[in-house]
Amino acid sequence: MSTWTADELNTLDRLGEIRVAGRRLDGSLRTLTIVWHVVVDRKLYVRSVRGAEGGWYKGVVRHHEGAIAWDGTTREVTYVPDDTADDRIDAAYFAKYGNGSPSRAITNAAARATTLRVEPRE
């Protein structure tokens, strides 16, 4: 597994949205879906606002592999369940997206249960 470059993390941190997708059984990429994301402690995290019932989330956790896309860049990634930084992730979502209902939705218990660390693959 490789790591994010400083430039990638800086770009990802300033962007409001990225697109994520998992892999099908045949290895093809599912449809890329827009999600909110945060960078915390130099790691990239995503959550499903619809909790475990979110379509993109179901596709991603089936194999824990897929891709993300932003600004014309697509990277192969591994999605790793990781609840070790949930409080800092919540704070990052509020800092990045404000205190409105969308931020409250992405930080509620159902969404928190879907926290995934996104790791780049070679």
PDB file of N, CA and C in Angstrom:
ATOM      1  N   MET A   1       0.839  -1.168   0.000  1.00  0.00           N
ATOM      2  CA  MET A   1       0.000   0.000   0.000  1.00  0.00           C
ATOM      3  C   MET A   1       0.888   1.237   0.000  1.00  0.00           C
ATOM      4  N   SER A   2       0.518   2.236  -0.752  1.00  0.00           N
ATOM      5  CA  SER A   2       1.289   3.469  -0.778  1.00  0.00           C
ATOM      6  C   SER A   2       0.666   4.471   0.181  1.00  0.00           C
ATOM      7  N   THR A   3       1.170   5.687   0.171  1.00  0.00           N
ATOM      8  CA  THR A   3       0.648   6.731   1.043  1.00  0.00           C
ATOM      9  C   THR A   3       0.243   7.934   0.196  1.00  0.00           C
ATOM     10  N   TRP A   4      -0.590   8.786   0.776  1.00  0.00           N
ATOM     11  CA  TRP A   4      -0.961  10.029   0.113  1.00  0.00           C
ATOM     12  C   TRP A   4       0.235  10.972   0.129  1.00  0.00           C
ATOM     13  N   THR A   5       0.408  11.716  -0.927  1.00  0.00           N
ATOM     14  CA  THR A   5       1.433  12.759  -0.913  1.00  0.00           C
ATOM     15  C   THR A   5       0.881  13.966  -0.158  1.00  0.00           C
ATOM     16  N   ALA A   6       1.768  14.835   0.269  1.00  0.00           N
ATOM     17  CA  ALA A   6       1.343  16.065   0.941  1.00  0.00           C
ATOM     18  C   ALA A   6       0.457  16.889   0.018  1.00  0.00           C
ATOM     19  N   ASP A   7       0.813  16.967  -1.262  1.00  0.00           N
ATOM     20  CA  ASP A   7      -0.001  17.727  -2.225  1.00  0.00           C
ATOM     21  C   ASP A   7      -1.396  17.129  -2.370  1.00  0.00           C
ATOM     22  N   GLU A   8      -1.487  15.796  -2.455  1.00  0.00           N
ATOM     23  CA  GLU A   8      -2.797  15.150  -2.554  1.00  0.00           C
ATOM     24  C   GLU A   8      -3.652  15.458  -1.332  1.00  0.00           C
ATOM     25  N   LEU A   9      -3.078  15.315  -0.152  1.00  0.00           N
ATOM     26  CA  LEU A   9      -3.840  15.576   1.073  1.00  0.00           C
ATOM     27  C   LEU A   9      -4.275  17.029   1.167  1.00  0.00           C
ATOM     28  N   ASN A  10      -3.393  17.953   0.798  1.00  0.00           N
ATOM     29  CA  ASN A  10      -3.752  19.374   0.818  1.00  0.00           C
ATOM     30  C   ASN A  10      -4.896  19.656  -0.144  1.00  0.00           C
ATOM     31  N   THR A  11      -4.824  19.083  -1.334  1.00  0.00           N
ATOM     32  CA  THR A  11      -5.895  19.271  -2.314  1.00  0.00           C
ATOM     33  C   THR A  11      -7.189  18.651  -1.814  1.00  0.00           C
ATOM     34  N   LEU A  12      -7.121  17.419  -1.346  1.00  0.00           N
ATOM     35  CA  LEU A  12      -8.317  16.745  -0.841  1.00  0.00           C
ATOM     36  C   LEU A  12      -8.928  17.514   0.329  1.00  0.00           C
ATOM     37  N   ASP A  13      -8.093  18.048   1.188  1.00  0.00           N
ATOM     38  CA  ASP A  13      -8.587  18.769   2.354  1.00  0.00           C
ATOM     39  C   ASP A  13      -9.368  20.024   1.955  1.00  0.00           C
ATOM     40  N   ARG A  14      -8.939  20.695   0.892  1.00  0.00           N
ATOM     41  CA  ARG A  14      -9.621  21.937   0.503  1.00  0.00           C
ATOM     42  C   ARG A  14     -10.866  21.694  -0.341  1.00  0.00           C
ATOM     43  N   LEU A  15     -10.988  20.513  -0.955  1.00  0.00           N
ATOM     44  CA  LEU A  15     -12.154  20.215  -1.786  1.00  0.00           C
ATOM     45  C   LEU A  15     -13.381  19.911  -0.942  1.00  0.00           C
ATOM     46  N   GLY A  16     -14.545  20.301  -1.430  1.00  0.00           N
ATOM     47  CA  GLY A  16     -15.789  20.046  -0.724  1.00  0.00           C
ATOM     48  C   GLY A  16     -16.347  18.654  -0.951  1.00  0.00           C
ATOM     49  N   GLU A  17     -15.995  18.044  -2.073  1.00  0.00           N
ATOM     50  CA  GLU A  17     -16.553  16.732  -2.400  1.00  0.00           C
ATOM     51  C   GLU A  17     -15.525  15.907  -3.172  1.00  0.00           C
ATOM     52  N   ILE A  18     -15.626  14.606  -3.004  1.00  0.00           N
ATOM     53  CA  ILE A  18     -14.910  13.657  -3.845  1.00  0.00           C
ATOM     54  C   ILE A  18     -15.926  12.628  -4.322  1.00  0.00           C
ATOM     55  N   ARG A  19     -15.500  11.782  -5.231  1.00  0.00           N
ATOM     56  CA  ARG A  19     -16.347  10.684  -5.698  1.00  0.00           C
ATOM     57  C   ARG A  19     -15.698   9.363  -5.272  1.00  0.00           C
ATOM     58  N   VAL A  20     -16.530   8.434  -4.819  1.00  0.00           N
ATOM     59  CA  VAL A  20     -16.039   7.142  -4.351  1.00  0.00           C
ATOM     60  C   VAL A  20     -16.784   6.015  -5.056  1.00  0.00           C
ATOM     61  N   ALA A  21     -16.123   4.874  -5.169  1.00  0.00           N
ATOM     62  CA  ALA A  21     -16.769   3.692  -5.744  1.00  0.00           C
ATOM     63  C   ALA A  21     -16.057   2.441  -5.258  1.00  0.00           C
ATOM     64  N   GLY A  22     -16.825   1.384  -5.124  1.00  0.00           N
ATOM     65  CA  GLY A  22     -16.277   0.075  -4.813  1.00  0.00           C
ATOM     66  C   GLY A  22     -16.132  -0.742  -6.084  1.00  0.00           C
ATOM     67  N   ARG A  23     -15.709  -1.976  -5.920  1.00  0.00           N
ATOM     68  CA  ARG A  23     -15.533  -2.897  -7.044  1.00  0.00           C
ATOM     69  C   ARG A  23     -16.642  -3.944  -7.045  1.00  0.00           C
ATOM     70  N   ARG A  24     -17.040  -4.350  -8.252  1.00  0.00           N
ATOM     71  CA  ARG A  24     -17.979  -5.463  -8.413  1.00  0.00           C
ATOM     72  C   ARG A  24     -17.218  -6.787  -8.318  1.00  0.00           C
ATOM     73  N   LEU A  25     -17.958  -7.884  -8.281  1.00  0.00           N
ATOM     74  CA  LEU A  25     -17.326  -9.209  -8.228  1.00  0.00           C
ATOM     75  C   LEU A  25     -16.388  -9.448  -9.399  1.00  0.00           C
ATOM     76  N   ASP A  26     -16.746  -8.901 -10.570  1.00  0.00           N
ATOM     77  CA  ASP A  26     -15.894  -9.100 -11.753  1.00  0.00           C
ATOM     78  C   ASP A  26     -14.701  -8.143 -11.792  1.00  0.00           C
ATOM     79  N   GLY A  27     -14.561  -7.314 -10.755  1.00  0.00           N
ATOM     80  CA  GLY A  27     -13.433  -6.395 -10.677  1.00  0.00           C
ATOM     81  C   GLY A  27     -13.691  -5.025 -11.276  1.00  0.00           C
ATOM     82  N   SER A  28     -14.800  -4.865 -11.992  1.00  0.00           N
ATOM     83  CA  SER A  28     -15.093  -3.559 -12.584  1.00  0.00           C
ATOM     84  C   SER A  28     -15.503  -2.578 -11.489  1.00  0.00           C
ATOM     85  N   LEU A  29     -15.320  -1.312 -11.794  1.00  0.00           N
ATOM     86  CA  LEU A  29     -15.627  -0.257 -10.835  1.00  0.00           C
ATOM     87  C   LEU A  29     -17.110   0.060 -10.847  1.00  0.00           C
ATOM     88  N   ARG A  30     -17.704   0.186  -9.674  1.00  0.00           N
ATOM     89  CA  ARG A  30     -19.084   0.630  -9.558  1.00  0.00           C
ATOM     90  C   ARG A  30     -19.160   2.106  -9.947  1.00  0.00           C
ATOM     91  N   THR A  31     -20.352   2.653 -10.005  1.00  0.00           N
ATOM     92  CA  THR A  31     -20.542   4.056 -10.344  1.00  0.00           C
ATOM     93  C   THR A  31     -19.968   4.939  -9.247  1.00  0.00           C
ATOM     94  N   LEU A  32     -19.183   5.938  -9.642  1.00  0.00           N
ATOM     95  CA  LEU A  32     -18.639   6.891  -8.681  1.00  0.00           C
ATOM     96  C   LEU A  32     -19.769   7.740  -8.102  1.00  0.00           C
ATOM     97  N   THR A  33     -19.757   7.938  -6.795  1.00  0.00           N
ATOM     98  CA  THR A  33     -20.791   8.665  -6.068  1.00  0.00           C
ATOM     99  C   THR A  33     -20.148   9.797  -5.281  1.00  0.00           C
ATOM    100  N   ILE A  34     -20.768  10.963  -5.292  1.00  0.00           N
ATOM    101  CA  ILE A  34     -20.260  12.117  -4.554  1.00  0.00           C
ATOM    102  C   ILE A  34     -20.462  11.913  -3.056  1.00  0.00           C
ATOM    103  N   VAL A  35     -19.404  12.176  -2.279  1.00  0.00           N
ATOM    104  CA  VAL A  35     -19.481  12.126  -0.819  1.00  0.00           C
ATOM    105  C   VAL A  35     -18.685  13.280  -0.220  1.00  0.00           C
ATOM    106  N   TRP A  36     -19.012  13.585   1.025  1.00  0.00           N
ATOM    107  CA  TRP A  36     -18.197  14.498   1.816  1.00  0.00           C
ATOM    108  C   TRP A  36     -17.077  13.702   2.471  1.00  0.00           C
ATOM    109  N   HIS A  37     -15.986  14.365   2.705  1.00  0.00           N
ATOM    110  CA  HIS A  37     -14.802  13.707   3.247  1.00  0.00           C
ATOM    111  C   HIS A  37     -14.047  14.696   4.127  1.00  0.00           C
ATOM    112  N   VAL A  38     -13.166  14.183   4.957  1.00  0.00           N
ATOM    113  CA  VAL A  38     -12.295  15.025   5.770  1.00  0.00           C
ATOM    114  C   VAL A  38     -10.915  14.395   5.852  1.00  0.00           C
ATOM    115  N   VAL A  39      -9.939  15.257   6.092  1.00  0.00           N
ATOM    116  CA  VAL A  39      -8.577  14.817   6.360  1.00  0.00           C
ATOM    117  C   VAL A  39      -8.302  15.101   7.835  1.00  0.00           C
ATOM    118  N   VAL A  40      -7.935  14.064   8.575  1.00  0.00           N
ATOM    119  CA  VAL A  40      -7.633  14.177   9.997  1.00  0.00           C
ATOM    120  C   VAL A  40      -6.332  13.426  10.255  1.00  0.00           C
ATOM    121  N   ASP A  41      -5.392  14.090  10.896  1.00  0.00           N
ATOM    122  CA  ASP A  41      -4.104  13.460  11.212  1.00  0.00           C
ATOM    123  C   ASP A  41      -3.450  12.869   9.963  1.00  0.00           C
ATOM    124  N   ARG A  42      -3.540  13.603   8.861  1.00  0.00           N
ATOM    125  CA  ARG A  42      -2.930  13.216   7.579  1.00  0.00           C
ATOM    126  C   ARG A  42      -3.505  11.916   7.017  1.00  0.00           C
ATOM    127  N   LYS A  43      -4.779  11.645   7.362  1.00  0.00           N
ATOM    128  CA  LYS A  43      -5.491  10.486   6.831  1.00  0.00           C
ATOM    129  C   LYS A  43      -6.816  10.971   6.269  1.00  0.00           C
ATOM    130  N   LEU A  44      -7.265  10.315   5.208  1.00  0.00           N
ATOM    131  CA  LEU A  44      -8.512  10.660   4.537  1.00  0.00           C
ATOM    132  C   LEU A  44      -9.631   9.749   5.040  1.00  0.00           C
ATOM    133  N   TYR A  45     -10.762  10.363   5.398  1.00  0.00           N
ATOM    134  CA  TYR A  45     -11.906   9.609   5.904  1.00  0.00           C
ATOM    135  C   TYR A  45     -13.170   9.970   5.135  1.00  0.00           C
ATOM    136  N   VAL A  46     -14.049   8.984   4.989  1.00  0.00           N
ATOM    137  CA  VAL A  46     -15.387   9.185   4.425  1.00  0.00           C
ATOM    138  C   VAL A  46     -16.392   8.463   5.308  1.00  0.00           C
ATOM    139  N   ARG A  47     -17.646   8.922   5.203  1.00  0.00           N
ATOM    140  CA  ARG A  47     -18.765   8.278   5.898  1.00  0.00           C
ATOM    141  C   ARG A  47     -19.973   8.286   4.985  1.00  0.00           C
ATOM    142  N   SER A  48     -20.903   7.405   5.280  1.00  0.00           N
ATOM    143  CA  SER A  48     -22.167   7.367   4.563  1.00  0.00           C
ATOM    144  C   SER A  48     -23.216   8.130   5.359  1.00  0.00           C
ATOM    145  N   VAL A  49     -23.747   9.197   4.786  1.00  0.00           N
ATOM    146  CA  VAL A  49     -24.776   9.982   5.463  1.00  0.00           C
ATOM    147  C   VAL A  49     -26.035   9.146   5.704  1.00  0.00           C
ATOM    148  N   ARG A  50     -26.221   8.098   4.914  1.00  0.00           N
ATOM    149  CA  ARG A  50     -27.380   7.204   5.082  1.00  0.00           C
ATOM    150  C   ARG A  50     -27.039   5.990   5.942  1.00  0.00           C
ATOM    151  N   GLY A  51     -25.912   6.023   6.599  1.00  0.00           N
ATOM    152  CA  GLY A  51     -25.503   4.902   7.436  1.00  0.00           C
ATOM    153  C   GLY A  51     -25.195   3.673   6.594  1.00  0.00           C
ATOM    154  N   ALA A  52     -25.320   2.516   7.193  1.00  0.00           N
ATOM    155  CA  ALA A  52     -24.979   1.264   6.513  1.00  0.00           C
ATOM    156  C   ALA A  52     -25.891   0.952   5.337  1.00  0.00           C
ATOM    157  N   GLU A  53     -27.011   1.650   5.222  1.00  0.00           N
ATOM    158  CA  GLU A  53     -27.934   1.421   4.109  1.00  0.00           C
ATOM    159  C   GLU A  53     -27.574   2.222   2.860  1.00  0.00           C
ATOM    160  N   GLY A  54     -26.592   3.099   2.952  1.00  0.00           N
ATOM    161  CA  GLY A  54     -26.176   3.883   1.785  1.00  0.00           C
ATOM    162  C   GLY A  54     -25.678   2.980   0.670  1.00  0.00           C
ATOM    163  N   GLY A  55     -26.147   3.224  -0.549  1.00  0.00           N
ATOM    164  CA  GLY A  55     -25.787   2.370  -1.675  1.00  0.00           C
ATOM    165  C   GLY A  55     -24.297   2.310  -1.941  1.00  0.00           C
ATOM    166  N   TRP A  56     -23.633   3.456  -1.971  1.00  0.00           N
ATOM    167  CA  TRP A  56     -22.193   3.448  -2.247  1.00  0.00           C
ATOM    168  C   TRP A  56     -21.452   2.718  -1.133  1.00  0.00           C
ATOM    169  N   TYR A  57     -21.919   2.892   0.104  1.00  0.00           N
ATOM    170  CA  TYR A  57     -21.269   2.252   1.241  1.00  0.00           C
ATOM    171  C   TYR A  57     -21.356   0.726   1.130  1.00  0.00           C
ATOM    172  N   LYS A  58     -22.533   0.224   0.797  1.00  0.00           N
ATOM    173  CA  LYS A  58     -22.694  -1.222   0.618  1.00  0.00           C
ATOM    174  C   LYS A  58     -21.740  -1.746  -0.447  1.00  0.00           C
ATOM    175  N   GLY A  59     -21.606  -1.003  -1.544  1.00  0.00           N
ATOM    176  CA  GLY A  59     -20.705  -1.421  -2.613  1.00  0.00           C
ATOM    177  C   GLY A  59     -19.247  -1.405  -2.205  1.00  0.00           C
ATOM    178  N   VAL A  60     -18.880  -0.434  -1.388  1.00  0.00           N
ATOM    179  CA  VAL A  60     -17.491  -0.302  -0.952  1.00  0.00           C
ATOM    180  C   VAL A  60     -17.116  -1.377   0.060  1.00  0.00           C
ATOM    181  N   VAL A  61     -17.986  -1.648   1.024  1.00  0.00           N
ATOM    182  CA  VAL A  61     -17.609  -2.597   2.080  1.00  0.00           C
ATOM    183  C   VAL A  61     -17.722  -4.052   1.640  1.00  0.00           C
ATOM    184  N   ARG A  62     -18.271  -4.295   0.484  1.00  0.00           N
ATOM    185  CA  ARG A  62     -18.341  -5.666  -0.013  1.00  0.00           C
ATOM    186  C   ARG A  62     -16.937  -6.231  -0.215  1.00  0.00           C
ATOM    187  N   HIS A  63     -16.023  -5.421  -0.789  1.00  0.00           N
ATOM    188  CA  HIS A  63     -14.664  -5.901  -1.060  1.00  0.00           C
ATOM    189  C   HIS A  63     -13.585  -5.003  -0.460  1.00  0.00           C
ATOM    190  N   HIS A  64     -13.978  -3.848   0.038  1.00  0.00           N
ATOM    191  CA  HIS A  64     -13.061  -2.873   0.639  1.00  0.00           C
ATOM    192  C   HIS A  64     -12.018  -2.354  -0.347  1.00  0.00           C
ATOM    193  N   GLU A  65     -12.285  -2.467  -1.625  1.00  0.00           N
ATOM    194  CA  GLU A  65     -11.406  -1.923  -2.650  1.00  0.00           C
ATOM    195  C   GLU A  65     -12.230  -1.138  -3.643  1.00  0.00           C
ATOM    196  N   GLY A  66     -11.590  -0.167  -4.266  1.00  0.00           N
ATOM    197  CA  GLY A  66     -12.280   0.630  -5.269  1.00  0.00           C
ATOM    198  C   GLY A  66     -11.424   1.792  -5.705  1.00  0.00           C
ATOM    199  N   ALA A  67     -12.080   2.947  -5.867  1.00  0.00           N
ATOM    200  CA  ALA A  67     -11.372   4.136  -6.342  1.00  0.00           C
ATOM    201  C   ALA A  67     -12.034   5.375  -5.780  1.00  0.00           C
ATOM    202  N   ILE A  68     -11.269   6.458  -5.772  1.00  0.00           N
ATOM    203  CA  ILE A  68     -11.834   7.780  -5.529  1.00  0.00           C
ATOM    204  C   ILE A  68     -11.397   8.673  -6.678  1.00  0.00           C
ATOM    205  N   ALA A  69     -12.173   9.723  -6.903  1.00  0.00           N
ATOM    206  CA  ALA A  69     -11.852  10.661  -7.973  1.00  0.00           C
ATOM    207  C   ALA A  69     -12.064  12.084  -7.471  1.00  0.00           C
ATOM    208  N   TRP A  70     -11.189  12.989  -7.927  1.00  0.00           N
ATOM    209  CA  TRP A  70     -11.295  14.410  -7.611  1.00  0.00           C
ATOM    210  C   TRP A  70     -10.493  15.191  -8.639  1.00  0.00           C
ATOM    211  N   ASP A  71     -10.995  16.321  -9.032  1.00  0.00           N
ATOM    212  CA  ASP A  71     -10.269  17.248  -9.918  1.00  0.00           C
ATOM    213  C   ASP A  71      -9.562  16.566 -11.094  1.00  0.00           C
ATOM    214  N   GLY A  72     -10.191  15.599 -11.726  1.00  0.00           N
ATOM    215  CA  GLY A  72      -9.566  14.932 -12.870  1.00  0.00           C
ATOM    216  C   GLY A  72      -8.587  13.833 -12.497  1.00  0.00           C
ATOM    217  N   THR A  73      -8.421  13.572 -11.224  1.00  0.00           N
ATOM    218  CA  THR A  73      -7.519  12.520 -10.748  1.00  0.00           C
ATOM    219  C   THR A  73      -8.354  11.358 -10.230  1.00  0.00           C
ATOM    220  N   THR A  74      -7.942  10.142 -10.557  1.00  0.00           N
ATOM    221  CA  THR A  74      -8.573   8.946 -10.012  1.00  0.00           C
ATOM    222  C   THR A  74      -7.481   8.093  -9.392  1.00  0.00           C
ATOM    223  N   ARG A  75      -7.719   7.626  -8.166  1.00  0.00           N
ATOM    224  CA  ARG A  75      -6.755   6.766  -7.476  1.00  0.00           C
ATOM    225  C   ARG A  75      -7.437   5.491  -7.032  1.00  0.00           C
ATOM    226  N   GLU A  76      -6.778   4.378  -7.215  1.00  0.00           N
ATOM    227  CA  GLU A  76      -7.202   3.105  -6.653  1.00  0.00           C
ATOM    228  C   GLU A  76      -6.970   3.171  -5.148  1.00  0.00           C
ATOM    229  N   VAL A  77      -7.951   2.681  -4.378  1.00  0.00           N
ATOM    230  CA  VAL A  77      -7.857   2.787  -2.924  1.00  0.00           C
ATOM    231  C   VAL A  77      -8.349   1.522  -2.234  1.00  0.00           C
ATOM    232  N   THR A  78      -8.012   1.435  -0.963  1.00  0.00           N
ATOM    233  CA  THR A  78      -8.557   0.444  -0.050  1.00  0.00           C
ATOM    234  C   THR A  78      -9.348   1.210   1.001  1.00  0.00           C
ATOM    235  N   TYR A  79     -10.540   0.720   1.343  1.00  0.00           N
ATOM    236  CA  TYR A  79     -11.399   1.327   2.361  1.00  0.00           C
ATOM    237  C   TYR A  79     -11.270   0.504   3.632  1.00  0.00           C
ATOM    238  N   VAL A  80     -10.850   1.146   4.712  1.00  0.00           N
ATOM    239  CA  VAL A  80     -10.582   0.451   5.961  1.00  0.00           C
ATOM    240  C   VAL A  80     -11.522   0.965   7.057  1.00  0.00           C
ATOM    241  N   PRO A  81     -12.373   0.106   7.633  1.00  0.00           N
ATOM    242  CA  PRO A  81     -13.191   0.556   8.758  1.00  0.00           C
ATOM    243  C   PRO A  81     -12.270   1.055   9.872  1.00  0.00           C
ATOM    244  N   ASP A  82     -12.564   2.238  10.415  1.00  0.00           N
ATOM    245  CA  ASP A  82     -11.672   2.825  11.413  1.00  0.00           C
ATOM    246  C   ASP A  82     -12.445   3.813  12.276  1.00  0.00           C
ATOM    247  N   ASP A  83     -12.735   3.423  13.501  1.00  0.00           N
ATOM    248  CA  ASP A  83     -13.466   4.306  14.412  1.00  0.00           C
ATOM    249  C   ASP A  83     -12.559   4.932  15.465  1.00  0.00           C
ATOM    250  N   THR A  84     -11.249   4.869  15.267  1.00  0.00           N
ATOM    251  CA  THR A  84     -10.308   5.332  16.288  1.00  0.00           C
ATOM    252  C   THR A  84     -10.236   6.850  16.409  1.00  0.00           C
ATOM    253  N   ALA A  85     -10.705   7.583  15.418  1.00  0.00           N
ATOM    254  CA  ALA A  85     -10.606   9.049  15.444  1.00  0.00           C
ATOM    255  C   ALA A  85     -11.977   9.709  15.293  1.00  0.00           C
ATOM    256  N   ASP A  86     -13.047   9.002  15.642  1.00  0.00           N
ATOM    257  CA  ASP A  86     -14.393   9.507  15.362  1.00  0.00           C
ATOM    258  C   ASP A  86     -14.670  10.903  15.925  1.00  0.00           C
ATOM    259  N   ASP A  87     -14.225  11.199  17.135  1.00  0.00           N
ATOM    260  CA  ASP A  87     -14.488  12.528  17.691  1.00  0.00           C
ATOM    261  C   ASP A  87     -13.764  13.613  16.890  1.00  0.00           C
ATOM    262  N   ARG A  88     -12.522  13.363  16.514  1.00  0.00           N
ATOM    263  CA  ARG A  88     -11.767  14.329  15.692  1.00  0.00           C
ATOM    264  C   ARG A  88     -12.365  14.436  14.297  1.00  0.00           C
ATOM    265  N   ILE A  89     -12.868  13.325  13.773  1.00  0.00           N
ATOM    266  CA  ILE A  89     -13.524  13.340  12.459  1.00  0.00           C
ATOM    267  C   ILE A  89     -14.800  14.169  12.527  1.00  0.00           C
ATOM    268  N   ASP A  90     -15.599  13.990  13.573  1.00  0.00           N
ATOM    269  CA  ASP A  90     -16.793  14.816  13.758  1.00  0.00           C
ATOM    270  C   ASP A  90     -16.419  16.297  13.753  1.00  0.00           C
ATOM    271  N   ALA A  91     -15.413  16.645  14.547  1.00  0.00           N
ATOM    272  CA  ALA A  91     -14.983  18.048  14.628  1.00  0.00           C
ATOM    273  C   ALA A  91     -14.533  18.564  13.264  1.00  0.00           C
ATOM    274  N   ALA A  92     -13.849  17.719  12.502  1.00  0.00           N
ATOM    275  CA  ALA A  92     -13.387  18.124  11.172  1.00  0.00           C
ATOM    276  C   ALA A  92     -14.557  18.340  10.225  1.00  0.00           C
ATOM    277  N   TYR A  93     -15.578  17.487  10.288  1.00  0.00           N
ATOM    278  CA  TYR A  93     -16.762  17.688   9.456  1.00  0.00           C
ATOM    279  C   TYR A  93     -17.435  19.025   9.785  1.00  0.00           C
ATOM    280  N   PHE A  94     -17.593  19.327  11.075  1.00  0.00           N
ATOM    281  CA  PHE A  94     -18.217  20.591  11.458  1.00  0.00           C
ATOM    282  C   PHE A  94     -17.357  21.783  11.027  1.00  0.00           C
ATOM    283  N   ALA A  95     -16.048  21.671  11.192  1.00  0.00           N
ATOM    284  CA  ALA A  95     -15.163  22.770  10.798  1.00  0.00           C
ATOM    285  C   ALA A  95     -15.199  23.003   9.288  1.00  0.00           C
ATOM    286  N   LYS A  96     -15.283  21.937   8.534  1.00  0.00           N
ATOM    287  CA  LYS A  96     -15.236  22.044   7.075  1.00  0.00           C
ATOM    288  C   LYS A  96     -16.585  22.420   6.474  1.00  0.00           C
ATOM    289  N   TYR A  97     -17.670  21.842   6.974  1.00  0.00           N
ATOM    290  CA  TYR A  97     -18.979  21.985   6.338  1.00  0.00           C
ATOM    291  C   TYR A  97     -19.984  22.813   7.139  1.00  0.00           C
ATOM    292  N   GLY A  98     -19.596  23.290   8.327  1.00  0.00           N
ATOM    293  CA  GLY A  98     -20.502  24.114   9.114  1.00  0.00           C
ATOM    294  C   GLY A  98     -21.327  23.285  10.080  1.00  0.00           C
ATOM    295  N   ASN A  99     -22.225  23.969  10.791  1.00  0.00           N
ATOM    296  CA  ASN A  99     -22.995  23.323  11.858  1.00  0.00           C
ATOM    297  C   ASN A  99     -24.428  22.982  11.466  1.00  0.00           C
ATOM    298  N   GLY A 100     -24.750  23.008  10.188  1.00  0.00           N
ATOM    299  CA  GLY A 100     -26.113  22.758   9.727  1.00  0.00           C
ATOM    300  C   GLY A 100     -26.520  21.297   9.804  1.00  0.00           C
ATOM    301  N   SER A 101     -27.734  21.044   9.349  1.00  0.00           N
ATOM    302  CA  SER A 101     -28.280  19.687   9.419  1.00  0.00           C
ATOM    303  C   SER A 101     -27.473  18.667   8.612  1.00  0.00           C
ATOM    304  N   PRO A 102     -26.878  19.028   7.454  1.00  0.00           N
ATOM    305  CA  PRO A 102     -26.055  18.023   6.770  1.00  0.00           C
ATOM    306  C   PRO A 102     -24.865  17.554   7.627  1.00  0.00           C
ATOM    307  N   SER A 103     -24.237  18.483   8.325  1.00  0.00           N
ATOM    308  CA  SER A 103     -23.115  18.092   9.189  1.00  0.00           C
ATOM    309  C   SER A 103     -23.588  17.265  10.366  1.00  0.00           C
ATOM    310  N   ARG A 104     -24.745  17.603  10.898  1.00  0.00           N
ATOM    311  CA  ARG A 104     -25.286  16.800  12.001  1.00  0.00           C
ATOM    312  C   ARG A 104     -25.621  15.390  11.508  1.00  0.00           C
ATOM    313  N   ALA A 105     -26.076  15.273  10.251  1.00  0.00           N
ATOM    314  CA  ALA A 105     -26.400  13.952   9.697  1.00  0.00           C
ATOM    315  C   ALA A 105     -25.145  13.100   9.498  1.00  0.00           C
ATOM    316  N   ILE A 106     -24.049  13.710   9.060  1.00  0.00           N
ATOM    317  CA  ILE A 106     -22.832  12.944   8.787  1.00  0.00           C
ATOM    318  C   ILE A 106     -22.069  12.623  10.073  1.00  0.00           C
ATOM    319  N   THR A 107     -22.514  13.196  11.194  1.00  0.00           N
ATOM    320  CA  THR A 107     -21.861  12.931  12.472  1.00  0.00           C
ATOM    321  C   THR A 107     -22.770  12.193  13.449  1.00  0.00           C
ATOM    322  N   ASN A 108     -23.956  11.763  12.999  1.00  0.00           N
ATOM    323  CA  ASN A 108     -24.836  11.026  13.910  1.00  0.00           C
ATOM    324  C   ASN A 108     -24.331   9.587  14.072  1.00  0.00           C
ATOM    325  N   ALA A 109     -24.941   8.853  14.980  1.00  0.00           N
ATOM    326  CA  ALA A 109     -24.461   7.503  15.316  1.00  0.00           C
ATOM    327  C   ALA A 109     -24.451   6.562  14.111  1.00  0.00           C
ATOM    328  N   ALA A 110     -25.482   6.624  13.273  1.00  0.00           N
ATOM    329  CA  ALA A 110     -25.546   5.726  12.113  1.00  0.00           C
ATOM    330  C   ALA A 110     -24.426   6.027  11.120  1.00  0.00           C
ATOM    331  N   ALA A 111     -24.155   7.304  10.891  1.00  0.00           N
ATOM    332  CA  ALA A 111     -23.072   7.676   9.975  1.00  0.00           C
ATOM    333  C   ALA A 111     -21.711   7.343  10.583  1.00  0.00           C
ATOM    334  N   ARG A 112     -21.551   7.627  11.863  1.00  0.00           N
ATOM    335  CA  ARG A 112     -20.273   7.316  12.534  1.00  0.00           C
ATOM    336  C   ARG A 112     -19.930   5.836  12.414  1.00  0.00           C
ATOM    337  N   ALA A 113     -20.930   4.987  12.417  1.00  0.00           N
ATOM    338  CA  ALA A 113     -20.702   3.539  12.319  1.00  0.00           C
ATOM    339  C   ALA A 113     -20.140   3.139  10.959  1.00  0.00           C
ATOM    340  N   THR A 114     -20.150   4.064   9.993  1.00  0.00           N
ATOM    341  CA  THR A 114     -19.650   3.758   8.649  1.00  0.00           C
ATOM    342  C   THR A 114     -18.310   4.432   8.351  1.00  0.00           C
ATOM    343  N   THR A 115     -17.633   4.941   9.358  1.00  0.00           N
ATOM    344  CA  THR A 115     -16.362   5.639   9.134  1.00  0.00           C
ATOM    345  C   THR A 115     -15.365   4.714   8.448  1.00  0.00           C
ATOM    346  N   LEU A 116     -14.848   5.199   7.327  1.00  0.00           N
ATOM    347  CA  LEU A 116     -13.845   4.457   6.563  1.00  0.00           C
ATOM    348  C   LEU A 116     -12.606   5.338   6.343  1.00  0.00           C
ATOM    349  N   ARG A 117     -11.449   4.791   6.627  1.00  0.00           N
ATOM    350  CA  ARG A 117     -10.188   5.444   6.266  1.00  0.00           C
ATOM    351  C   ARG A 117      -9.894   5.021   4.834  1.00  0.00           C
ATOM    352  N   VAL A 118      -9.520   5.955   3.996  1.00  0.00           N
ATOM    353  CA  VAL A 118      -9.271   5.678   2.592  1.00  0.00           C
ATOM    354  C   VAL A 118      -7.760   5.691   2.368  1.00  0.00           C
ATOM    355  N   GLU A 119      -7.220   4.544   1.986  1.00  0.00           N
ATOM    356  CA  GLU A 119      -5.788   4.402   1.779  1.00  0.00           C
ATOM    357  C   GLU A 119      -5.484   4.185   0.296  1.00  0.00           C
ATOM    358  N   PRO A 120      -4.546   4.954  -0.262  1.00  0.00           N
ATOM    359  CA  PRO A 120      -4.202   4.758  -1.676  1.00  0.00           C
ATOM    360  C   PRO A 120      -3.481   3.443  -1.904  1.00  0.00           C
ATOM    361  N   ARG A 121      -3.713   2.892  -3.089  1.00  0.00           N
ATOM    362  CA  ARG A 121      -3.027   1.671  -3.479  1.00  0.00           C
ATOM    363  C   ARG A 121      -2.044   2.023  -4.593  1.00  0.00           C
ATOM    364  N   GLU A 122      -1.065   1.188  -4.791  1.00  0.00           N
ATOM    365  CA  GLU A 122      -0.089   1.443  -5.853  1.00  0.00           C
ATOM    366  C   GLU A 122      -0.643   1.170  -7.210  1.00  0.00           C
TER     367      GLU A 122
END
